[in-house]
C-alpha atoms as a PDB file:
ATOM      1  CA  MET A   1       8.904  22.943   3.598  1.00  0.00           C
ATOM      2  CA  ASP A   2       8.576  23.071  -0.263  1.00  0.00           C
ATOM      3  CA  ALA A   3       6.818  19.976  -2.393  1.00  0.00           C
ATOM      4  CA  LEU A   4       9.816  18.359  -3.737  1.00  0.00           C
ATOM      5  CA  THR A   5      10.881  18.422   0.197  1.00  0.00           C
ATOM      6  CA  GLN A   6       7.875  17.663   1.103  1.00  0.00           C
ATOM      7  CA  VAL A   7       7.657  14.410  -1.202  1.00  0.00           C
ATOM      8  CA  VAL A   8      11.665  13.271  -0.265  1.00  0.00           C
ATOM      9  CA  TRP A   9      10.062  13.854   3.169  1.00  0.00           C
ATOM     10  CA  GLN A  10       7.360  11.649   2.497  1.00  0.00           C
ATOM     11  CA  PHE A  11       8.862   8.653   0.633  1.00  0.00           C
ATOM     12  CA  THR A  12      11.742   8.304   2.901  1.00  0.00           C
ATOM     13  CA  ILE A  13       8.838   7.622   6.140  1.00  0.00           C
ATOM     14  CA  ALA A  14       7.395   5.047   3.962  1.00  0.00           C
ATOM     15  CA  PHE A  15      10.499   3.767   2.929  1.00  0.00           C
ATOM     16  CA  VAL A  16      11.249   2.904   6.626  1.00  0.00           C
ATOM     17  CA  ALA A  17       7.883   2.101   7.549  1.00  0.00           C
ATOM     18  CA  SER A  18       7.962  -0.625   4.810  1.00  0.00           C
ATOM     19  CA  CYS A  19      11.579  -1.621   6.009  1.00  0.00           C
ATOM     20  CA  SER A  20      10.624  -1.954   9.957  1.00  0.00           C
ATOM     21  CA  TRP A  21       7.674  -3.818   8.984  1.00  0.00           C
ATOM     22  CA  GLY A  22       9.647  -6.232   7.080  1.00  0.00           C
ATOM     23  CA  ILE A  23      12.013  -6.998   9.172  1.00  0.00           C
ATOM     24  CA  ILE A  24       8.466  -8.029  12.280  1.00  0.00           C
ATOM     25  CA  PHE A  25       7.976 -10.416   9.418  1.00  0.00           C
ATOM     26  CA  ARG A  26      10.804 -11.571   8.691  1.00  0.00           C
ATOM     27  CA  ALA A  27      11.356 -10.400   4.856  1.00  0.00           C
ATOM     28  CA  PRO A  28      14.460 -12.376   3.623  1.00  0.00           C
ATOM     29  CA  LYS A  29      17.352  -9.405   4.715  1.00  0.00           C
ATOM     30  CA  GLN A  30      18.219  -9.210   1.555  1.00  0.00           C
ATOM     31  CA  ARG A  31      15.152  -7.958   0.565  1.00  0.00           C
ATOM     32  CA  ILE A  32      14.211  -5.893   3.332  1.00  0.00           C
ATOM     33  CA  ALA A  33      14.804  -3.094   1.060  1.00  0.00           C
ATOM     34  CA  LEU A  34      12.965  -4.051  -2.115  1.00  0.00           C
ATOM     35  CA  GLY A  35       9.931  -4.079  -0.021  1.00  0.00           C
ATOM     36  CA  GLY A  36      10.216  -0.728   1.355  1.00  0.00           C
ATOM     37  CA  LEU A  37      10.489   0.418  -2.200  1.00  0.00           C
ATOM     38  CA  THR A  38       6.879  -1.176  -2.783  1.00  0.00           C
ATOM     39  CA  GLY A  39       5.846   0.591  -0.089  1.00  0.00           C
ATOM     40  CA  ALA A  40       7.558   4.151  -0.570  1.00  0.00           C
ATOM     41  CA  LEU A  41       6.074   3.632  -4.020  1.00  0.00           C
ATOM     42  CA  GLY A  42       2.555   2.974  -3.351  1.00  0.00           C
ATOM     43  CA  TRP A  43       2.613   5.839  -0.808  1.00  0.00           C
ATOM     44  CA  MET A  44       3.249   7.934  -4.160  1.00  0.00           C
ATOM     45  CA  GLY A  45       0.421   6.491  -5.776  1.00  0.00           C
ATOM     46  CA  TRP A  46      -1.501   7.225  -2.673  1.00  0.00           C
ATOM     47  CA  MET A  47       0.143  11.017  -2.874  1.00  0.00           C
ATOM     48  CA  LEU A  48      -0.596  11.480  -6.462  1.00  0.00           C
ATOM     49  CA  ALA A  49      -4.245  10.177  -5.914  1.00  0.00           C
ATOM     50  CA  GLU A  50      -4.519  13.157  -2.926  1.00  0.00           C
ATOM     51  CA  ALA A  51      -3.497  15.426  -5.188  1.00  0.00           C
ATOM     52  CA  ALA A  52      -5.848  14.195  -8.203  1.00  0.00           C
ATOM     53  CA  GLY A  53      -8.295  15.150  -5.192  1.00  0.00           C
ATOM     54  CA  LEU A  54      -9.522  11.794  -5.008  1.00  0.00           C
ATOM     55  CA  GLN A  55     -11.348  10.833  -1.514  1.00  0.00           C
ATOM     56  CA  VAL A  56      -9.915   8.272   0.892  1.00  0.00           C
ATOM     57  CA  VAL A  57     -10.730   5.112  -0.747  1.00  0.00           C
ATOM     58  CA  GLY A  58      -9.758   6.191  -4.251  1.00  0.00           C
ATOM     59  CA  ARG A  59      -6.367   7.287  -2.587  1.00  0.00           C
ATOM     60  CA  THR A  60      -6.326   3.836  -0.858  1.00  0.00           C
ATOM     61  CA  ALA A  61      -6.823   1.850  -4.137  1.00  0.00           C
ATOM     62  CA  LEU A  62      -4.714   3.746  -6.417  1.00  0.00           C
ATOM     63  CA  GLY A  63      -1.577   3.587  -3.446  1.00  0.00           C
ATOM     64  CA  ALA A  64      -2.502  -0.339  -3.088  1.00  0.00           C
ATOM     65  CA  LEU A  65      -2.097  -0.800  -6.718  1.00  0.00           C
ATOM     66  CA  ALA A  66       0.906   0.827  -7.395  1.00  0.00           C
ATOM     67  CA  VAL A  67       2.367  -1.479  -4.044  1.00  0.00           C
ATOM     68  CA  GLY A  68       0.937  -4.689  -6.176  1.00  0.00           C
ATOM     69  CA  ILE A  69       2.132  -4.036  -9.450  1.00  0.00           C
ATOM     70  CA  SER A  70       5.419  -3.382  -8.463  1.00  0.00           C
ATOM     71  CA  GLY A  71       5.585  -5.614  -5.688  1.00  0.00           C
ATOM     72  CA  GLU A  72       4.595  -8.410  -8.256  1.00  0.00           C
ATOM     73  CA  ILE A  73       7.234  -7.409 -10.756  1.00  0.00           C
ATOM     74  CA  ILE A  74       9.980  -7.197  -7.762  1.00  0.00           C
ATOM     75  CA  ALA A  75       9.156 -10.882  -6.563  1.00  0.00           C
ATOM     76  CA  ARG A  76       8.803 -11.626 -10.071  1.00  0.00           C
ATOM     77  CA  LEU A  77      12.834  -9.774 -10.998  1.00  0.00           C
ATOM     78  CA  TRP A  78      13.980 -11.752  -7.957  1.00  0.00           C
ATOM     79  CA  GLN A  79      12.145 -14.452  -8.076  1.00  0.00           C
ATOM     80  CA  GLU A  80      10.865 -14.690  -4.215  1.00  0.00           C
ATOM     81  CA  PRO A  81       6.967 -14.790  -3.887  1.00  0.00           C
ATOM     82  CA  ALA A  82       5.571 -11.501  -3.653  1.00  0.00           C
ATOM     83  CA  THR A  83       3.952 -11.544  -0.514  1.00  0.00           C
ATOM     84  CA  VAL A  84       7.473 -11.098   0.442  1.00  0.00           C
ATOM     85  CA  PHE A  85       7.082  -7.683  -0.930  1.00  0.00           C
ATOM     86  CA  LEU A  86       3.548  -7.464  -0.918  1.00  0.00           C
ATOM     87  CA  THR A  87       2.777  -7.448   2.846  1.00  0.00           C
ATOM     88  CA  PRO A  88       5.473  -4.733   4.402  1.00  0.00           C
ATOM     89  CA  GLY A  89       4.058  -2.564   0.933  1.00  0.00           C
ATOM     90  CA  ILE A  90       0.621  -1.884   2.052  1.00  0.00           C
ATOM     91  CA  VAL A  91       1.862  -1.126   5.737  1.00  0.00           C
ATOM     92  CA  PRO A  92       1.930   3.024   4.761  1.00  0.00           C
ATOM     93  CA  LEU A  93      -1.821   2.037   3.134  1.00  0.00           C
ATOM     94  CA  VAL A  94      -3.299   1.191   6.197  1.00  0.00           C
ATOM     95  CA  PRO A  95      -6.069   3.115   7.624  1.00  0.00           C
ATOM     96  CA  GLY A  96      -5.028   2.572  11.579  1.00  0.00           C
ATOM     97  CA  ILE A  97      -4.994   6.048  12.772  1.00  0.00           C
ATOM     98  CA  THR A  98      -8.488   6.010  11.507  1.00  0.00           C
ATOM     99  CA  VAL A  99      -9.814   3.038  13.753  1.00  0.00           C
ATOM    100  CA  TYR A 100      -7.953   4.219  16.863  1.00  0.00           C
ATOM    101  CA  THR A 101     -10.056   6.989  16.071  1.00  0.00           C
ATOM    102  CA  ALA A 102     -13.799   5.072  15.389  1.00  0.00           C
ATOM    103  CA  MET A 103     -12.810   3.302  18.879  1.00  0.00           C
ATOM    104  CA  LYS A 104     -11.945   6.273  20.581  1.00  0.00           C
ATOM    105  CA  ALA A 105     -15.350   8.299  19.221  1.00  0.00           C
ATOM    106  CA  PHE A 106     -17.183   4.756  20.664  1.00  0.00           C
ATOM    107  CA  VAL A 107     -15.896   5.107  23.753  1.00  0.00           C
ATOM    108  CA  VAL A 108     -16.531   8.680  24.851  1.00  0.00           C
ATOM    109  CA  GLY A 109     -20.063   7.550  23.298  1.00  0.00           C
ATOM    110  CA  ASP A 110     -20.206   9.473  19.937  1.00  0.00           C
ATOM    111  CA  TYR A 111     -21.686   6.601  18.173  1.00  0.00           C
ATOM    112  CA  LEU A 112     -22.346   8.056  14.978  1.00  0.00           C
ATOM    113  CA  GLY A 113     -18.983   9.149  13.974  1.00  0.00           C
ATOM    114  CA  GLY A 114     -17.697   5.907  15.159  1.00  0.00           C
ATOM    115  CA  LEU A 115     -19.524   4.083  12.950  1.00  0.00           C
ATOM    116  CA  SER A 116     -18.725   6.895  10.078  1.00  0.00           C
ATOM    117  CA  LEU A 117     -15.387   6.349  10.240  1.00  0.00           C
ATOM    118  CA  THR A 118     -15.512   2.619  11.049  1.00  0.00           C
ATOM    119  CA  THR A 119     -17.481   2.694   7.770  1.00  0.00           C
ATOM    120  CA  GLU A 120     -14.473   4.246   6.276  1.00  0.00           C
ATOM    121  CA  ALA A 121     -12.229   2.341   7.716  1.00  0.00           C
ATOM    122  CA  LEU A 122     -13.732  -1.091   5.980  1.00  0.00           C
ATOM    123  CA  LEU A 123     -13.512   0.872   2.849  1.00  0.00           C
ATOM    124  CA  ALA A 124     -10.014   1.733   2.588  1.00  0.00           C
ATOM    125  CA  ALA A 125      -9.364  -2.095   3.860  1.00  0.00           C
ATOM    126  CA  GLY A 126     -11.383  -3.065   1.249  1.00  0.00           C
ATOM    127  CA  ALA A 127      -9.672  -0.730  -1.588  1.00  0.00           C
ATOM    128  CA  ILE A 128      -6.449  -2.005  -0.205  1.00  0.00           C
ATOM    129  CA  ALA A 129      -7.583  -5.471  -1.478  1.00  0.00           C
ATOM    130  CA  GLY A 130      -9.335  -4.526  -4.575  1.00  0.00           C
ATOM    131  CA  GLY A 131      -6.028  -3.062  -5.425  1.00  0.00           C
ATOM    132  CA  LEU A 132      -3.863  -5.796  -4.989  1.00  0.00           C
ATOM    133  CA  ALA A 133      -6.238  -7.882  -6.671  1.00  0.00           C
ATOM    134  CA  ILE A 134      -6.317  -6.082  -9.751  1.00  0.00           C
ATOM    135  CA  ALA A 135      -2.520  -5.231  -9.730  1.00  0.00           C
ATOM    136  CA  THR A 136      -1.869  -8.695  -8.722  1.00  0.00           C
ATOM    137  CA  SER A 137      -4.112  -9.811 -12.132  1.00  0.00           C
ATOM    138  CA  LEU A 138      -3.246  -7.438 -14.076  1.00  0.00           C
ATOM    139  CA  VAL A 139       0.862  -8.647 -13.633  1.00  0.00           C
ATOM    140  CA  ARG A 140       0.450 -11.916 -14.029  1.00  0.00           C
ATOM    141  CA  ALA A 141      -1.559 -11.557 -17.356  1.00  0.00           C
ATOM    142  CA  LEU A 142       0.910  -8.896 -18.399  1.00  0.00           C
ATOM    143  CA  PHE A 143       3.879 -11.840 -17.764  1.00  0.00           C
ATOM    144  CA  ARG A 144       2.024 -14.610 -19.143  1.00  0.00           C
ATOM    145  CA  SER A 145       1.221 -13.119 -22.190  1.00  0.00           C
ATOM    146  CA  ALA A 146       5.198 -11.982 -22.980  1.00  0.00           C
ATOM    147  CA  ILE A 147       6.349 -15.100 -21.926  1.00  0.00           C
ATOM    148  CA  ARG A 148       3.956 -16.767 -24.998  1.00  0.00           C
ATOM    149  CA  GLY A 149       5.246 -14.054 -27.617  1.00  0.00           C
ATOM    150  CA  ARG A 150       8.812 -15.377 -27.075  1.00  0.00           C
ATOM    151  CA  MET A 151       7.847 -18.665 -27.613  1.00  0.00           C
END
């Protein structure tokens, strides 16, 4: 599979996963695709960070920053709460397989491996929170200054 096909495939999977979680979280029906777009853009940020050689926490932070920026902008444009787009948007970034593997390591007695994976998952979760917080602050400040500029 060539690089472009891989990127399109990854974008599509992230879009579908985010849309699915938008349905589960009962987002407004007409906004589900925008939540999917937010998640797919976040995953593209994750993939760009991976291509740049960043480790898991850096990739997750950059992906969360992309989710936060796109989700906040879409929320402003469509006059919806940002959580409508941010909640399904972060789903592709959640370190679920890492948590599963950590629990599996604990069950089989590999306590050091389980602890290492648990630490990685917690750092990734912190990166999601940090990326969203920075993005939210940035977009809100930019929109405030744009509104002041029009007055």
